[in-house]
Amino acid sequence: MIGAITPATSDLDHMNNVLSLALPFFGLILLGYAAAKSFKQPAGGQDWLTIFVVYFTVPALLFTLLSKAPIEELGNGTFILATTGSAALVFFISLIAFRIIYANNLAQSGMRAAASAYANVGYMGVPLAVGAFGTKATIPATLIVCFDSVFFFIMAPILVALGSPGPLKFTGLVGDISRRIFLNPLIIGSAAGVLAAYFKYVPPGPVARILDYLSAAAAPCALFALGVTVAARPLKSMPRGTGLMVFTKLFVHPLAVLGAVLSLGITGIWMNTALLLATLPTALGVYVIANQYGIETHSVSNAILLSTLLSVLTVTSLLYAIELNWLTP
């Protein structure tokens, strides 16, 4: 676990600790990428793997971890302000930048801004945070997953609707937003875990064992599926603004979170978890939304691919800085 070191630990030992944690995560992504390139299977198999990850393994992991977590820590409004507030700030600044610099319309700018600020916390966030900092990172990681997802699931459809020609269909917009939030399996799994913790519910033996099996599969399957998904979106031409999206996501977003947590006095595992999740690449959910509306799919796809490749550096660099206590106030 990161931080479990002695004063005599050498720099080489620090680096080995970081690499032993980070490289297996990115190694699984690379395996998925290599498998997709090598076996050339149709997308149907990939779709089933994605369904297994999104609807079964990761929700089971969230439920299992949260059901055993201290319920009193879930109301940390300061932490939510620091993390989702930072993501929102980066989102709106990016929205304005893309409108001014590239003259994108509101829908295009909104999708690019989402790619600049919405981290891949669903696939990578909770498993990586728990692997790095232990089960105490469950609650801060889950708060980021839930509140960031809610923010972007609200903002993306609104901006698409505002940027589209014709009258604004309020009823359809509210329905779309509600479906994205209340039918999201990650949010459902988190809510069920919170309720189980509150009522001290313990699943019966067979159910608990199934949840354990699914939870154990969450990290390797999610990362492998991420590699397959990235391989399915080859980098062809790079639209203008792609570099800005990747730079903002991997560097500006973490810096915004760092400034927020330091100014609000957030320390320890909560600070480290917030920073770690901010260094993650663009969320696959941005492509799902872009593909649904047919807006900026090419540029978002490129941003996901490039940010995923470069996040090997941002994630390992941050973990190394945490290992050496460079970020401790």
Protein backbone atom coordinates (compact mmCIF):
# COMPACT_ATOMS: atom_id res chain seq x y z
CA MET A 1 0.00 0.00 0.00
CA ILE A 2 1.27 3.50 -0.83
CA GLY A 3 2.76 5.23 2.16
CA ALA A 4 3.58 2.04 4.10
CA ILE A 5 7.31 2.77 4.17
CA THR A 6 10.13 3.10 6.67
CA PRO A 7 12.60 5.95 6.97
CA ALA A 8 15.32 3.70 5.54
CA THR A 9 13.43 3.06 2.33
CA SER A 10 15.54 4.02 -0.70
CA ASP A 11 14.39 5.93 -3.78
CA LEU A 12 14.61 2.67 -5.73
CA ASP A 13 12.30 0.99 -3.23
CA HIS A 14 9.86 3.89 -3.53
CA MET A 15 9.83 3.55 -7.30
CA ASN A 16 9.38 -0.22 -7.10
CA ASN A 17 6.40 0.28 -4.78
CA VAL A 18 4.78 2.66 -7.25
CA LEU A 19 5.50 0.53 -10.31
CA SER A 20 4.26 -2.64 -8.61
CA LEU A 21 0.92 -0.91 -8.07
CA ALA A 22 0.49 1.14 -11.25
CA LEU A 23 1.96 -1.10 -13.95
CA PRO A 24 -0.40 -4.07 -13.39
CA PHE A 25 -3.35 -1.72 -13.93
CA PHE A 26 -1.99 -0.36 -17.18
CA GLY A 27 -0.70 -3.82 -18.09
CA LEU A 28 -4.27 -5.12 -18.06
CA ILE A 29 -5.31 -2.26 -20.33
CA LEU A 30 -2.42 -3.14 -22.65
CA LEU A 31 -3.46 -6.81 -22.66
CA GLY A 32 -6.98 -5.84 -23.67
CA TYR A 33 -5.62 -3.56 -26.36
CA ALA A 34 -3.30 -6.26 -27.70
CA ALA A 35 -6.05 -8.88 -27.63
CA ALA A 36 -8.41 -6.64 -29.61
CA LYS A 37 -5.70 -5.97 -32.20
CA SER A 38 -4.64 -9.61 -32.44
CA PHE A 39 -7.87 -11.60 -32.51
CA LYS A 40 -10.05 -9.22 -34.57
CA GLN A 41 -13.28 -10.39 -32.97
CA PRO A 42 -16.58 -8.66 -33.83
CA ALA A 43 -17.83 -5.97 -31.48
CA GLY A 44 -20.50 -8.23 -29.98
CA GLY A 45 -18.03 -9.92 -27.64
CA GLN A 46 -16.67 -6.57 -26.53
CA ASP A 47 -20.20 -5.35 -25.88
CA TRP A 48 -20.88 -8.29 -23.58
CA LEU A 49 -17.65 -7.70 -21.69
CA THR A 50 -18.59 -4.06 -21.24
CA ILE A 51 -22.05 -5.03 -19.98
CA PHE A 52 -20.49 -7.49 -17.53
CA VAL A 53 -18.16 -4.78 -16.20
CA VAL A 54 -20.57 -1.84 -16.07
CA TYR A 55 -23.70 -3.64 -14.89
CA PHE A 56 -22.29 -6.40 -12.70
CA THR A 57 -18.68 -6.33 -11.50
CA VAL A 58 -18.14 -2.64 -10.69
CA PRO A 59 -21.60 -2.15 -9.06
CA ALA A 60 -20.94 -5.29 -6.99
CA LEU A 61 -17.59 -3.88 -5.92
CA LEU A 62 -19.15 -0.54 -4.96
CA PHE A 63 -21.93 -2.27 -3.01
CA THR A 64 -19.53 -4.60 -1.20
CA LEU A 65 -17.12 -1.85 -0.16
CA LEU A 66 -19.74 0.74 0.78
CA SER A 67 -21.92 -1.68 2.74
CA LYS A 68 -19.00 -2.11 5.16
CA ALA A 69 -17.95 1.55 5.27
CA PRO A 70 -18.63 4.09 8.05
CA ILE A 71 -21.90 5.74 7.05
CA GLU A 72 -21.06 9.05 8.79
CA GLU A 73 -18.31 9.83 6.26
CA LEU A 74 -20.69 9.99 3.30
CA GLY A 75 -21.87 13.52 4.05
CA ASN A 76 -18.52 15.21 3.43
CA GLY A 77 -19.75 18.28 1.58
CA THR A 78 -16.34 19.96 1.68
CA PHE A 79 -14.81 17.06 -0.23
CA ILE A 80 -17.60 17.06 -2.81
CA LEU A 81 -17.13 20.80 -3.28
CA ALA A 82 -13.40 20.34 -3.80
CA THR A 83 -13.63 17.47 -6.29
CA THR A 84 -16.82 17.91 -8.29
CA GLY A 85 -16.51 21.68 -7.89
CA SER A 86 -13.04 21.55 -9.47
CA ALA A 87 -14.29 19.34 -12.31
CA ALA A 88 -17.15 21.79 -12.89
CA LEU A 89 -14.76 24.76 -12.90
CA VAL A 90 -12.48 23.08 -15.45
CA PHE A 91 -15.55 22.14 -17.50
CA PHE A 92 -16.90 25.70 -17.71
CA ILE A 93 -13.48 27.23 -18.41
CA SER A 94 -12.95 24.66 -21.19
CA LEU A 95 -16.44 25.37 -22.54
CA ILE A 96 -15.61 29.06 -22.88
CA ALA A 97 -12.17 28.31 -24.36
CA PHE A 98 -13.53 26.05 -27.08
CA ARG A 99 -16.24 28.56 -27.92
CA ILE A 100 -13.71 31.39 -28.27
CA ILE A 101 -10.60 29.68 -29.66
CA TYR A 102 -12.19 27.17 -32.05
CA ALA A 103 -15.57 28.82 -32.62
CA ASN A 104 -17.36 25.59 -31.77
CA ASN A 105 -21.09 25.77 -31.20
CA LEU A 106 -22.48 25.18 -27.71
CA ALA A 107 -23.08 21.44 -28.21
CA GLN A 108 -19.60 20.84 -29.66
CA SER A 109 -17.93 22.94 -26.98
CA GLY A 110 -19.87 21.13 -24.25
CA MET A 111 -18.78 17.72 -25.47
CA ARG A 112 -15.15 18.80 -25.71
CA ALA A 113 -15.33 20.40 -22.29
CA ALA A 114 -16.67 17.14 -20.84
CA ALA A 115 -13.72 15.30 -22.39
CA SER A 116 -11.44 17.83 -20.69
CA ALA A 117 -12.87 17.44 -17.18
CA TYR A 118 -14.66 14.09 -16.77
CA ALA A 119 -12.15 11.46 -15.60
CA ASN A 120 -12.52 7.73 -16.14
CA VAL A 121 -13.48 7.17 -12.51
CA GLY A 122 -16.03 4.44 -13.26
CA TYR A 123 -13.66 1.92 -14.83
CA MET A 124 -10.43 2.84 -13.06
CA GLY A 125 -11.16 5.07 -10.09
CA VAL A 126 -12.38 2.86 -7.25
CA PRO A 127 -10.18 -0.21 -7.97
CA LEU A 128 -7.07 1.94 -8.37
CA ALA A 129 -7.76 4.04 -5.26
CA VAL A 130 -8.46 0.99 -3.11
CA GLY A 131 -5.38 -0.75 -4.48
CA ALA A 132 -3.24 2.28 -3.68
CA PHE A 133 -4.63 3.42 -0.35
CA GLY A 134 -6.72 0.53 1.01
CA THR A 135 -10.44 0.26 1.70
CA LYS A 136 -10.47 3.64 3.46
CA ALA A 137 -10.34 5.19 -0.02
CA THR A 138 -13.71 3.64 -0.90
CA ILE A 139 -15.91 6.49 0.28
CA PRO A 140 -13.96 9.41 -1.24
CA ALA A 141 -13.59 7.51 -4.53
CA THR A 142 -17.28 6.65 -4.62
CA LEU A 143 -18.32 10.23 -3.85
CA ILE A 144 -16.30 11.37 -6.85
CA VAL A 145 -17.82 8.66 -9.07
CA CYS A 146 -21.38 9.57 -8.10
CA PHE A 147 -21.24 13.38 -8.00
CA ASP A 148 -19.00 13.82 -11.05
CA SER A 149 -21.25 11.48 -13.02
CA VAL A 150 -24.39 13.34 -11.96
CA PHE A 151 -22.86 16.69 -12.93
CA PHE A 152 -21.78 15.59 -16.40
CA PHE A 153 -24.95 13.58 -17.06
CA ILE A 154 -26.86 16.79 -16.40
CA MET A 155 -24.65 19.27 -18.23
CA ALA A 156 -23.96 17.33 -21.44
CA PRO A 157 -27.62 16.84 -22.48
CA ILE A 158 -28.48 20.43 -21.52
CA LEU A 159 -25.73 21.89 -23.70
CA VAL A 160 -26.58 19.55 -26.57
CA ALA A 161 -30.21 20.67 -26.33
CA LEU A 162 -29.26 24.36 -26.14
CA GLY A 163 -26.88 24.02 -29.07
CA SER A 164 -29.32 22.18 -31.32
CA PRO A 165 -31.60 23.99 -33.78
CA GLY A 166 -35.30 24.11 -33.09
CA PRO A 167 -37.29 24.60 -29.88
CA LEU A 168 -36.03 23.17 -26.60
CA LYS A 169 -38.03 20.07 -25.63
CA PHE A 170 -38.01 20.38 -21.85
CA THR A 171 -39.86 17.13 -21.11
CA GLY A 172 -37.56 15.03 -23.26
CA LEU A 173 -34.51 16.74 -21.76
CA VAL A 174 -35.58 16.03 -18.18
CA GLY A 175 -36.37 12.42 -19.09
CA ASP A 176 -32.96 11.94 -20.71
CA ILE A 177 -31.14 13.38 -17.71
CA SER A 178 -33.20 11.34 -15.24
CA ARG A 179 -32.50 8.09 -17.11
CA ARG A 180 -28.76 8.77 -17.17
CA ILE A 181 -28.69 9.40 -13.43
CA PHE A 182 -31.22 7.02 -11.88
CA LEU A 183 -30.57 4.08 -14.22
CA ASN A 184 -26.78 4.37 -14.03
CA PRO A 185 -25.57 1.02 -12.60
CA LEU A 186 -22.66 2.63 -10.76
CA ILE A 187 -24.97 5.04 -8.96
CA ILE A 188 -27.46 2.24 -8.24
CA GLY A 189 -24.70 0.03 -6.80
CA SER A 190 -23.42 2.92 -4.68
CA ALA A 191 -26.90 3.80 -3.39
CA ALA A 192 -27.58 0.15 -2.51
CA GLY A 193 -24.28 -0.03 -0.63
CA VAL A 194 -25.08 3.11 1.34
CA LEU A 195 -28.51 1.76 2.29
CA ALA A 196 -26.95 -1.55 3.34
CA ALA A 197 -24.45 0.28 5.52
CA TYR A 198 -27.15 2.46 7.08
CA PHE A 199 -29.43 -0.46 7.92
CA LYS A 200 -26.46 -2.74 8.71
CA TYR A 201 -27.72 -5.26 6.17
CA VAL A 202 -25.57 -8.34 5.60
CA PRO A 203 -26.43 -10.38 2.47
CA PRO A 204 -27.06 -14.09 2.99
CA GLY A 205 -24.11 -16.42 2.39
CA PRO A 206 -24.75 -17.41 -1.26
CA VAL A 207 -25.50 -13.81 -2.28
CA ALA A 208 -22.41 -12.55 -0.45
CA ARG A 209 -20.27 -15.11 -2.25
CA ILE A 210 -21.61 -14.06 -5.66
CA LEU A 211 -20.89 -10.43 -4.80
CA ASP A 212 -17.36 -11.38 -3.75
CA TYR A 213 -16.75 -13.18 -7.05
CA LEU A 214 -18.04 -10.22 -9.05
CA SER A 215 -16.09 -7.73 -6.94
CA ALA A 216 -12.85 -9.66 -7.44
CA ALA A 217 -13.41 -9.55 -11.20
CA ALA A 218 -14.12 -5.80 -11.31
CA ALA A 219 -10.59 -4.41 -11.63
CA PRO A 220 -9.07 -6.91 -14.11
CA CYS A 221 -12.18 -7.09 -16.29
CA ALA A 222 -12.74 -3.33 -16.32
CA LEU A 223 -9.14 -2.59 -17.26
CA PHE A 224 -9.03 -5.32 -19.89
CA ALA A 225 -12.30 -4.01 -21.35
CA LEU A 226 -10.85 -0.50 -21.37
CA GLY A 227 -7.91 -1.72 -23.42
CA VAL A 228 -10.26 -3.41 -25.89
CA THR A 229 -12.39 -0.28 -26.13
CA VAL A 230 -9.40 1.97 -26.74
CA ALA A 231 -8.13 -0.40 -29.45
CA ALA A 232 -11.48 -0.13 -31.22
CA ARG A 233 -10.96 3.61 -31.64
CA PRO A 234 -7.78 3.89 -33.72
CA LEU A 235 -6.02 7.24 -33.88
CA LYS A 236 -6.43 8.58 -37.40
CA SER A 237 -6.44 12.29 -38.07
CA MET A 238 -6.36 14.54 -35.04
CA PRO A 239 -9.01 17.28 -35.02
CA ARG A 240 -7.99 20.73 -33.84
CA GLY A 241 -8.36 21.04 -30.11
CA THR A 242 -7.61 17.41 -29.26
CA GLY A 243 -4.29 18.33 -27.65
CA LEU A 244 -6.01 20.97 -25.54
CA MET A 245 -8.55 18.44 -24.29
CA VAL A 246 -5.84 15.95 -23.31
CA PHE A 247 -3.63 18.58 -21.67
CA THR A 248 -6.55 20.00 -19.69
CA LYS A 249 -7.70 16.59 -18.53
CA LEU A 250 -4.31 15.26 -17.44
CA PHE A 251 -2.72 18.43 -16.05
CA VAL A 252 -5.17 21.29 -15.53
CA HIS A 253 -7.84 19.16 -13.83
CA PRO A 254 -5.41 17.64 -11.27
CA LEU A 255 -3.94 21.07 -10.54
CA ALA A 256 -7.42 22.47 -9.95
CA VAL A 257 -8.18 19.63 -7.53
CA LEU A 258 -4.83 20.10 -5.78
CA GLY A 259 -5.56 23.79 -5.24
CA ALA A 260 -9.06 23.01 -3.94
CA VAL A 261 -8.06 20.31 -1.46
CA LEU A 262 -5.19 22.37 -0.08
CA SER A 263 -7.31 25.51 0.30
CA LEU A 264 -10.12 23.57 2.00
CA GLY A 265 -7.82 21.70 4.36
CA ILE A 266 -8.42 18.20 2.95
CA THR A 267 -5.54 15.89 3.78
CA GLY A 268 -4.53 12.24 4.01
CA ILE A 269 -6.28 9.53 2.05
CA TRP A 270 -9.08 11.89 1.03
CA MET A 271 -6.63 14.30 -0.59
CA ASN A 272 -4.63 11.49 -2.22
CA THR A 273 -7.77 9.85 -3.60
CA ALA A 274 -9.04 13.12 -5.04
CA LEU A 275 -5.71 13.77 -6.77
CA LEU A 276 -5.36 10.21 -8.04
CA LEU A 277 -8.79 10.17 -9.67
CA ALA A 278 -8.17 13.60 -11.22
CA THR A 279 -5.07 12.28 -13.01
CA LEU A 280 -7.09 9.58 -14.79
CA PRO A 281 -7.84 9.86 -18.53
CA THR A 282 -11.08 10.99 -20.16
CA ALA A 283 -14.09 8.88 -19.24
CA LEU A 284 -15.53 6.45 -21.77
CA GLY A 285 -18.92 7.84 -20.81
CA VAL A 286 -18.11 11.01 -22.76
CA TYR A 287 -17.85 8.97 -25.96
CA VAL A 288 -21.13 7.20 -25.17
CA ILE A 289 -22.89 10.57 -24.89
CA ALA A 290 -21.12 11.98 -27.95
CA ASN A 291 -22.02 8.91 -30.01
CA GLN A 292 -25.66 9.06 -28.91
CA TYR A 293 -26.02 12.64 -30.14
CA GLY A 294 -23.60 12.32 -33.06
CA ILE A 295 -21.47 15.23 -31.82
CA GLU A 296 -17.65 15.35 -31.66
CA THR A 297 -17.29 11.56 -31.69
CA HIS A 298 -13.97 11.71 -33.56
CA SER A 299 -12.30 14.28 -31.31
CA VAL A 300 -13.64 12.68 -28.11
CA SER A 301 -12.44 9.25 -29.26
CA ASN A 302 -8.96 10.64 -29.90
CA ALA A 303 -8.94 12.38 -26.53
CA ILE A 304 -9.81 9.10 -24.78
CA LEU A 305 -7.07 7.19 -26.60
CA LEU A 306 -4.33 9.79 -26.10
CA SER A 307 -5.21 10.58 -22.50
CA THR A 308 -5.32 6.86 -21.65
CA LEU A 309 -1.86 6.33 -23.11
CA LEU A 310 -0.38 9.39 -21.40
CA SER A 311 -2.07 8.71 -18.07
CA VAL A 312 0.55 6.02 -17.49
CA LEU A 313 2.88 8.94 -16.80
CA THR A 314 0.48 11.12 -14.82
CA VAL A 315 -0.76 8.32 -12.56
CA THR A 316 2.66 6.84 -11.82
CA SER A 317 4.16 10.32 -11.27
CA LEU A 318 1.44 11.20 -8.78
CA LEU A 319 1.78 7.90 -6.93
CA TYR A 320 5.53 8.44 -6.71
CA ALA A 321 5.00 11.93 -5.31
CA ILE A 322 2.57 10.51 -2.73
CA GLU A 323 5.01 7.72 -1.87
CA LEU A 324 7.68 10.32 -1.09
CA ASN A 325 5.20 12.58 0.79
CA TRP A 326 5.92 15.47 -1.56
CA LEU A 327 2.27 16.60 -1.42
CA THR A 328 1.89 16.49 2.34
CA PRO A 329 1.04 20.01 3.60
